[in-house]
Amino acid sequence: MNPKNFLNAQIGKSKLYQLNEQAEWERARWIACVIINPHLKKNISPNKITTFPWEVEKQSKRFDVEKIIKESEFDDMIQEELKK
């Protein structure tokens, strides 16, 4: 195995471990939600119990996509004005 193959294998194993850990934490949050909900007047979602760091990253990326869409619409509007 050359160094590049070893590095790729190591990165893949690390990502797999991280995904398994995230799945376990999300499962624990879901179980907590299922246990708590019968004792509450209003049901709560698992996201209201806690937000994990990897979910915050996903939300910030979503906002970046919306910003890019708005900028592209603005660019399209400018291009239409220049054609006139």
Protein backbone atom coordinates (compact mmCIF):
# COMPACT_ATOMS: atom_id res chain seq x y z
CA MET A 1 0.00 0.00 0.00
CA ASN A 2 1.49 3.32 -0.99
CA PRO A 3 1.15 6.47 1.19
CA LYS A 4 -1.70 7.93 -0.90
CA ASN A 5 -3.77 4.74 -0.59
CA PHE A 6 -3.06 4.60 3.13
CA LEU A 7 -4.13 8.23 3.59
CA ASN A 8 -7.34 7.64 1.64
CA ALA A 9 -8.11 4.55 3.75
CA GLN A 10 -7.43 6.48 6.94
CA ILE A 11 -9.67 9.38 5.90
CA GLY A 12 -12.44 6.97 4.89
CA LYS A 13 -12.28 5.13 8.20
CA SER A 14 -12.31 8.42 10.10
CA LYS A 15 -15.41 9.62 8.21
CA LEU A 16 -17.16 6.31 8.82
CA TYR A 17 -16.42 6.55 12.55
CA GLN A 18 -17.70 10.13 12.62
CA LEU A 19 -20.93 9.20 10.82
CA ASN A 20 -21.52 6.30 13.23
CA GLU A 21 -21.02 8.62 16.22
CA GLN A 22 -23.45 11.17 14.76
CA ALA A 23 -26.03 8.46 14.19
CA GLU A 24 -25.72 7.29 17.79
CA TRP A 25 -26.14 10.83 19.16
CA GLU A 26 -29.16 11.47 16.93
CA ARG A 27 -30.68 8.17 18.05
CA ALA A 28 -30.17 9.15 21.71
CA ARG A 29 -31.82 12.53 21.09
CA TRP A 30 -34.76 10.85 19.36
CA ILE A 31 -35.21 8.40 22.26
CA ALA A 32 -35.15 11.30 24.73
CA CYS A 33 -37.83 13.04 22.68
CA VAL A 34 -40.01 9.92 22.61
CA ILE A 35 -39.66 9.53 26.38
CA ILE A 36 -40.39 13.19 27.17
CA ASN A 37 -43.31 13.83 24.78
CA PRO A 38 -46.03 11.86 26.64
CA HIS A 39 -45.41 14.02 29.72
CA LEU A 40 -45.74 17.36 27.92
CA LYS A 41 -48.84 19.25 26.84
CA LYS A 42 -47.28 20.16 23.50
CA ASN A 43 -45.06 17.72 21.66
CA ILE A 44 -41.55 18.88 20.94
CA SER A 45 -39.28 17.88 18.11
CA PRO A 46 -35.87 16.30 18.66
CA ASN A 47 -34.20 19.47 17.35
CA LYS A 48 -35.75 21.46 20.22
CA ILE A 49 -33.98 19.22 22.74
CA THR A 50 -30.52 19.98 21.42
CA THR A 51 -28.75 21.03 18.25
CA PHE A 52 -25.54 19.31 17.31
CA PRO A 53 -22.52 21.09 15.83
CA TRP A 54 -22.80 19.24 12.52
CA GLU A 55 -26.38 20.48 12.14
CA VAL A 56 -25.30 24.09 12.65
CA GLU A 57 -22.76 23.67 9.85
CA LYS A 58 -25.49 22.39 7.52
CA GLN A 59 -27.69 25.39 8.30
CA SER A 60 -24.89 27.87 7.64
CA LYS A 61 -24.20 26.19 4.28
CA ARG A 62 -27.89 26.50 3.43
CA PHE A 63 -27.76 30.23 4.05
CA ASP A 64 -24.72 30.48 1.77
CA VAL A 65 -26.70 28.80 -1.00
CA GLU A 66 -29.56 31.26 -0.56
CA LYS A 67 -27.09 34.14 -0.72
CA ILE A 68 -25.62 32.79 -3.94
CA ILE A 69 -29.10 32.45 -5.46
CA LYS A 70 -29.94 36.05 -4.56
CA GLU A 71 -26.65 37.27 -6.03
CA SER A 72 -27.25 35.34 -9.26
CA GLU A 73 -30.75 36.83 -9.55
CA PHE A 74 -29.25 40.28 -9.06
CA ASP A 75 -26.64 39.55 -11.73
CA ASP A 76 -29.38 38.42 -14.11
CA MET A 77 -31.30 41.62 -13.48
CA ILE A 78 -28.20 43.72 -14.22
CA GLN A 79 -27.55 41.78 -17.42
CA GLU A 80 -31.12 42.45 -18.58
CA GLU A 81 -30.71 46.17 -17.87
CA LEU A 82 -27.46 46.28 -19.84
CA LYS A 83 -29.10 44.63 -22.85
CA LYS A 84 -31.69 47.43 -23.06
